[in-house]
PDB file of N, CA and C in Angstrom:
ATOM      1  N   UNK A   1    -105.171 -24.648 -68.118  1.00  0.00           N
ATOM      2  CA  UNK A   1    -104.126 -24.531 -67.967  1.00  0.00           C
ATOM      3  C   UNK A   1    -104.466 -22.305 -69.269  1.00  0.00           C
ATOM      4  N   UNK A   2    -105.591 -22.073 -69.472  1.00  0.00           N
ATOM      5  CA  UNK A   2    -105.983 -20.558 -69.412  1.00  0.00           C
ATOM      6  C   UNK A   2    -105.738 -19.736 -68.592  1.00  0.00           C
ATOM      7  N   UNK A   3    -106.784 -20.487 -67.536  1.00  0.00           N
ATOM      8  CA  UNK A   3    -106.700 -19.846 -66.381  1.00  0.00           C
ATOM      9  C   UNK A   3    -105.314 -19.493 -65.506  1.00  0.00           C
ATOM     10  N   UNK A   4    -104.953 -20.655 -65.154  1.00  0.00           N
ATOM     11  CA  UNK A   4    -103.115 -20.231 -64.621  1.00  0.00           C
ATOM     12  C   UNK A   4    -102.335 -19.458 -65.775  1.00  0.00           C
ATOM     13  N   UNK A   5    -102.239 -19.662 -67.001  1.00  0.00           N
ATOM     14  CA  UNK A   5    -101.811 -18.377 -67.841  1.00  0.00           C
ATOM     15  C   UNK A   5    -101.910 -16.903 -67.532  1.00  0.00           C
ATOM     16  N   UNK A   6    -103.446 -16.837 -67.413  1.00  0.00           N
ATOM     17  CA  UNK A   6    -103.561 -15.665 -66.909  1.00  0.00           C
ATOM     18  C   UNK A   6    -103.430 -15.377 -65.710  1.00  0.00           C
ATOM     19  N   UNK A   7    -103.746 -16.036 -64.880  1.00  0.00           N
ATOM     20  CA  UNK A   7    -103.645 -15.536 -63.109  1.00  0.00           C
ATOM     21  C   UNK A   7    -101.355 -15.424 -63.247  1.00  0.00           C
ATOM     22  N   UNK A   8    -100.626 -16.084 -64.011  1.00  0.00           N
ATOM     23  CA  UNK A   8     -99.649 -15.836 -63.866  1.00  0.00           C
ATOM     24  C   UNK A   8     -98.982 -14.878 -64.498  1.00  0.00           C
ATOM     25  N   UNK A   9    -100.035 -13.927 -65.582  1.00  0.00           N
ATOM     26  CA  UNK A   9     -99.527 -12.831 -66.124  1.00  0.00           C
ATOM     27  C   UNK A   9    -100.000 -11.869 -65.115  1.00  0.00           C
ATOM     28  N   UNK A  10    -101.264 -11.892 -64.980  1.00  0.00           N
ATOM     29  CA  UNK A  10    -101.972 -10.516 -63.936  1.00  0.00           C
ATOM     30  C   UNK A  10    -101.103 -10.713 -62.519  1.00  0.00           C
ATOM     31  N   UNK A  11    -100.415 -12.223 -62.096  1.00  0.00           N
ATOM     32  CA  UNK A  11    -100.115 -11.542 -60.488  1.00  0.00           C
ATOM     33  C   UNK A  11     -98.294 -12.301 -60.406  1.00  0.00           C
ATOM     34  N   UNK A  12     -97.548 -12.027 -61.331  1.00  0.00           N
ATOM     35  CA  UNK A  12     -96.651 -12.568 -61.190  1.00  0.00           C
ATOM     36  C   UNK A  12     -95.537 -12.848 -59.857  1.00  0.00           C
ATOM     37  N   UNK A  13     -95.734 -12.240 -59.400  1.00  0.00           N
ATOM     38  CA  UNK A  13     -95.052 -13.118 -57.938  1.00  0.00           C
ATOM     39  C   UNK A  13     -95.929 -14.176 -57.391  1.00  0.00           C
ATOM     40  N   UNK A  14     -96.997 -14.330 -58.055  1.00  0.00           N
ATOM     41  CA  UNK A  14     -97.687 -15.662 -57.361  1.00  0.00           C
ATOM     42  C   UNK A  14     -97.712 -16.486 -57.453  1.00  0.00           C
ATOM     43  N   UNK A  15     -97.339 -17.803 -56.466  1.00  0.00           N
ATOM     44  CA  UNK A  15     -96.902 -18.765 -56.568  1.00  0.00           C
ATOM     45  C   UNK A  15     -98.489 -19.586 -56.727  1.00  0.00           C
ATOM     46  N   UNK A  16     -98.216 -20.836 -57.755  1.00  0.00           N
ATOM     47  CA  UNK A  16     -99.647 -21.309 -57.863  1.00  0.00           C
ATOM     48  C   UNK A  16     -99.660 -22.831 -57.556  1.00  0.00           C
ATOM     49  N   UNK A  17    -100.168 -23.668 -56.800  1.00  0.00           N
ATOM     50  CA  UNK A  17    -100.651 -24.771 -55.821  1.00  0.00           C
ATOM     51  C   UNK A  17    -101.779 -25.619 -55.819  1.00  0.00           C
ATOM     52  N   UNK A  18    -101.415 -26.755 -56.802  1.00  0.00           N
ATOM     53  CA  UNK A  18    -102.455 -27.931 -57.116  1.00  0.00           C
ATOM     54  C   UNK A  18    -102.490 -28.563 -55.766  1.00  0.00           C
ATOM     55  N   UNK A  19    -104.072 -28.944 -55.541  1.00  0.00           N
ATOM     56  CA  UNK A  19    -104.363 -29.747 -54.551  1.00  0.00           C
ATOM     57  C   UNK A  19    -105.636 -30.676 -55.258  1.00  0.00           C
ATOM     58  N   UNK A  20    -105.459 -31.892 -54.351  1.00  0.00           N
ATOM     59  CA  UNK A  20    -107.038 -32.198 -54.710  1.00  0.00           C
ATOM     60  C   UNK A  20    -106.410 -33.848 -54.750  1.00  0.00           C
ATOM     61  N   UNK A  21    -107.648 -34.609 -54.958  1.00  0.00           N
ATOM     62  CA  UNK A  21    -107.345 -36.214 -55.881  1.00  0.00           C
ATOM     63  C   UNK A  21    -106.279 -36.600 -56.469  1.00  0.00           C
ATOM     64  N   UNK A  22    -107.139 -35.541 -57.690  1.00  0.00           N
ATOM     65  CA  UNK A  22    -105.550 -35.784 -59.221  1.00  0.00           C
ATOM     66  C   UNK A  22    -104.250 -35.634 -58.574  1.00  0.00           C
ATOM     67  N   UNK A  23    -103.891 -34.541 -57.771  1.00  0.00           N
ATOM     68  CA  UNK A  23    -102.799 -34.283 -57.344  1.00  0.00           C
ATOM     69  C   UNK A  23    -102.128 -34.973 -56.475  1.00  0.00           C
ATOM     70  N   UNK A  24    -103.259 -35.839 -55.866  1.00  0.00           N
ATOM     71  CA  UNK A  24    -102.391 -36.732 -55.203  1.00  0.00           C
ATOM     72  C   UNK A  24    -101.841 -38.352 -55.561  1.00  0.00           C
ATOM     73  N   UNK A  25    -102.829 -38.447 -56.863  1.00  0.00           N
ATOM     74  CA  UNK A  25    -102.374 -39.403 -57.340  1.00  0.00           C
ATOM     75  C   UNK A  25    -101.522 -39.234 -59.017  1.00  0.00           C
ATOM     76  N   UNK A  26    -101.482 -38.203 -59.091  1.00  0.00           N
ATOM     77  CA  UNK A  26    -101.309 -38.181 -60.248  1.00  0.00           C
ATOM     78  C   UNK A  26     -99.742 -36.488 -60.380  1.00  0.00           C
ATOM     79  N   UNK A  27     -98.807 -36.566 -59.394  1.00  0.00           N
ATOM     80  CA  UNK A  27     -98.433 -35.178 -58.304  1.00  0.00           C
ATOM     81  C   UNK A  27     -97.859 -34.390 -59.859  1.00  0.00           C
ATOM     82  N   UNK A  28     -96.948 -35.246 -61.119  1.00  0.00           N
ATOM     83  CA  UNK A  28     -96.108 -34.707 -61.595  1.00  0.00           C
ATOM     84  C   UNK A  28     -96.917 -34.001 -62.962  1.00  0.00           C
ATOM     85  N   UNK A  29     -98.276 -34.494 -62.795  1.00  0.00           N
ATOM     86  CA  UNK A  29     -99.432 -34.092 -63.734  1.00  0.00           C
ATOM     87  C   UNK A  29     -99.162 -32.270 -63.211  1.00  0.00           C
ATOM     88  N   UNK A  30     -99.351 -31.936 -62.004  1.00  0.00           N
ATOM     89  CA  UNK A  30     -99.785 -30.327 -61.874  1.00  0.00           C
ATOM     90  C   UNK A  30     -98.353 -29.714 -61.884  1.00  0.00           C
ATOM     91  N   UNK A  31     -97.114 -30.401 -61.850  1.00  0.00           N
ATOM     92  CA  UNK A  31     -95.958 -29.943 -62.171  1.00  0.00           C
ATOM     93  C   UNK A  31     -95.438 -29.666 -64.057  1.00  0.00           C
ATOM     94  N   UNK A  32     -95.971 -30.444 -64.342  1.00  0.00           N
ATOM     95  CA  UNK A  32     -96.121 -30.214 -66.316  1.00  0.00           C
ATOM     96  C   UNK A  32     -96.805 -29.536 -66.421  1.00  0.00           C
ATOM     97  N   UNK A  33     -98.173 -28.762 -65.451  1.00  0.00           N
ATOM     98  CA  UNK A  33     -98.929 -28.379 -66.592  1.00  0.00           C
ATOM     99  C   UNK A  33     -98.650 -26.676 -65.473  1.00  0.00           C
ATOM    100  N   UNK A  34     -97.492 -26.384 -65.065  1.00  0.00           N
ATOM    101  CA  UNK A  34     -97.156 -25.293 -64.803  1.00  0.00           C
ATOM    102  C   UNK A  34     -97.375 -24.532 -62.982  1.00  0.00           C
ATOM    103  N   UNK A  35     -97.613 -25.528 -62.390  1.00  0.00           N
ATOM    104  CA  UNK A  35     -98.109 -25.519 -61.216  1.00  0.00           C
ATOM    105  C   UNK A  35     -96.917 -24.709 -60.272  1.00  0.00           C
ATOM    106  N   UNK A  36     -96.705 -24.056 -59.253  1.00  0.00           N
ATOM    107  CA  UNK A  36     -95.341 -23.896 -58.611  1.00  0.00           C
ATOM    108  C   UNK A  36     -95.410 -24.947 -57.490  1.00  0.00           C
ATOM    109  N   UNK A  37     -96.252 -25.942 -57.149  1.00  0.00           N
ATOM    110  CA  UNK A  37     -96.243 -26.417 -56.210  1.00  0.00           C
ATOM    111  C   UNK A  37     -96.864 -27.426 -56.196  1.00  0.00           C
ATOM    112  N   UNK A  38     -97.340 -29.221 -55.579  1.00  0.00           N
ATOM    113  CA  UNK A  38     -98.424 -29.465 -55.803  1.00  0.00           C
ATOM    114  C   UNK A  38     -98.468 -30.252 -53.969  1.00  0.00           C
ATOM    115  N   UNK A  39     -99.971 -30.533 -53.614  1.00  0.00           N
ATOM    116  CA  UNK A  39    -100.107 -30.781 -52.256  1.00  0.00           C
ATOM    117  C   UNK A  39    -100.892 -32.253 -52.521  1.00  0.00           C
ATOM    118  N   UNK A  40     -99.381 -33.080 -51.962  1.00  0.00           N
ATOM    119  CA  UNK A  40    -100.634 -34.568 -52.395  1.00  0.00           C
ATOM    120  C   UNK A  40    -100.987 -34.865 -50.406  1.00  0.00           C
ATOM    121  N   UNK A  41    -101.961 -35.891 -50.546  1.00  0.00           N
ATOM    122  CA  UNK A  41    -102.692 -36.140 -49.543  1.00  0.00           C
ATOM    123  C   UNK A  41    -103.813 -34.891 -48.761  1.00  0.00           C
ATOM    124  N   UNK A  42    -103.900 -34.874 -47.646  1.00  0.00           N
ATOM    125  CA  UNK A  42    -104.729 -33.196 -46.907  1.00  0.00           C
ATOM    126  C   UNK A  42    -104.213 -32.219 -47.108  1.00  0.00           C
ATOM    127  N   UNK A  43    -104.873 -31.352 -47.484  1.00  0.00           N
ATOM    128  CA  UNK A  43    -104.277 -30.284 -47.941  1.00  0.00           C
ATOM    129  C   UNK A  43    -104.495 -29.368 -47.449  1.00  0.00           C
ATOM    130  N   UNK A  44    -105.468 -29.601 -46.336  1.00  0.00           N
ATOM    131  CA  UNK A  44    -105.737 -28.404 -45.492  1.00  0.00           C
ATOM    132  C   UNK A  44    -104.333 -28.573 -44.714  1.00  0.00           C
ATOM    133  N   UNK A  45    -103.843 -29.859 -44.066  1.00  0.00           N
ATOM    134  CA  UNK A  45    -102.829 -29.609 -43.483  1.00  0.00           C
ATOM    135  C   UNK A  45    -101.621 -29.108 -44.204  1.00  0.00           C
ATOM    136  N   UNK A  46    -101.665 -29.698 -45.151  1.00  0.00           N
ATOM    137  CA  UNK A  46    -100.173 -29.427 -45.835  1.00  0.00           C
ATOM    138  C   UNK A  46     -99.843 -27.853 -46.721  1.00  0.00           C
ATOM    139  N   UNK A  47    -101.171 -27.401 -46.825  1.00  0.00           N
ATOM    140  CA  UNK A  47    -100.738 -26.022 -47.205  1.00  0.00           C
ATOM    141  C   UNK A  47    -100.128 -24.954 -46.645  1.00  0.00           C
ATOM    142  N   UNK A  48     -99.637 -24.945 -44.893  1.00  0.00           N
ATOM    143  CA  UNK A  48     -99.068 -24.665 -43.793  1.00  0.00           C
ATOM    144  C   UNK A  48     -97.561 -25.142 -44.633  1.00  0.00           C
ATOM    145  N   UNK A  49     -97.327 -26.195 -44.748  1.00  0.00           N
ATOM    146  CA  UNK A  49     -96.061 -26.468 -45.177  1.00  0.00           C
ATOM    147  C   UNK A  49     -95.288 -26.017 -46.635  1.00  0.00           C
ATOM    148  N   UNK A  50     -96.303 -25.858 -47.260  1.00  0.00           N
ATOM    149  CA  UNK A  50     -96.063 -25.020 -48.507  1.00  0.00           C
ATOM    150  C   UNK A  50     -95.523 -23.919 -48.532  1.00  0.00           C
ATOM    151  N   UNK A  51     -96.569 -23.011 -47.790  1.00  0.00           N
ATOM    152  CA  UNK A  51     -96.618 -21.674 -47.365  1.00  0.00           C
ATOM    153  C   UNK A  51     -95.386 -20.920 -46.751  1.00  0.00           C
ATOM    154  N   UNK A  52     -95.112 -21.990 -46.132  1.00  0.00           N
ATOM    155  CA  UNK A  52     -93.787 -21.900 -44.855  1.00  0.00           C
ATOM    156  C   UNK A  52     -92.138 -22.161 -45.612  1.00  0.00           C
ATOM    157  N   UNK A  53     -92.421 -22.663 -46.406  1.00  0.00           N
ATOM    158  CA  UNK A  53     -91.573 -23.122 -47.570  1.00  0.00           C
ATOM    159  C   UNK A  53     -90.511 -24.761 -46.819  1.00  0.00           C
ATOM    160  N   UNK A  54     -91.404 -25.537 -46.335  1.00  0.00           N
ATOM    161  CA  UNK A  54     -90.686 -26.485 -45.726  1.00  0.00           C
ATOM    162  C   UNK A  54     -89.827 -27.601 -47.134  1.00  0.00           C
ATOM    163  N   UNK A  55     -88.865 -27.725 -47.160  1.00  0.00           N
ATOM    164  CA  UNK A  55     -88.148 -28.434 -47.824  1.00  0.00           C
ATOM    165  C   UNK A  55     -88.871 -30.114 -48.211  1.00  0.00           C
ATOM    166  N   UNK A  56     -88.844 -30.794 -49.418  1.00  0.00           N
ATOM    167  CA  UNK A  56     -88.860 -32.168 -49.051  1.00  0.00           C
ATOM    168  C   UNK A  56     -90.458 -32.120 -49.543  1.00  0.00           C
ATOM    169  N   UNK A  57     -91.014 -31.203 -50.151  1.00  0.00           N
ATOM    170  CA  UNK A  57     -92.494 -31.084 -51.140  1.00  0.00           C
ATOM    171  C   UNK A  57     -91.614 -31.270 -52.310  1.00  0.00           C
ATOM    172  N   UNK A  58     -92.834 -31.695 -53.634  1.00  0.00           N
ATOM    173  CA  UNK A  58     -92.767 -31.403 -54.778  1.00  0.00           C
ATOM    174  C   UNK A  58     -93.481 -30.135 -55.236  1.00  0.00           C
ATOM    175  N   UNK A  59     -91.921 -29.386 -56.125  1.00  0.00           N
ATOM    176  CA  UNK A  59     -92.084 -28.643 -56.402  1.00  0.00           C
ATOM    177  C   UNK A  59     -90.902 -28.442 -57.570  1.00  0.00           C
ATOM    178  N   UNK A  60     -91.123 -27.524 -58.477  1.00  0.00           N
ATOM    179  CA  UNK A  60     -90.229 -26.881 -59.901  1.00  0.00           C
ATOM    180  C   UNK A  60     -89.093 -25.725 -59.235  1.00  0.00           C
ATOM    181  N   UNK A  61     -89.213 -25.610 -57.849  1.00  0.00           N
ATOM    182  CA  UNK A  61     -88.180 -24.627 -57.609  1.00  0.00           C
ATOM    183  C   UNK A  61     -87.515 -25.344 -56.631  1.00  0.00           C
TER     184      UNK A  61
END
């Protein structure tokens, strides 16, 4: 949480994305901990959808 907070302060325009096993099993944990997006499943493929603003993904925006 401290690293995420520091990065949010240092880079206010940045969007923070969580991926990996925990994100896949408990995606709402990422949103509740301040991440802008959570990738569920294979992150290598889904990151392009997140970066391009695809709708229908878990996001707090």
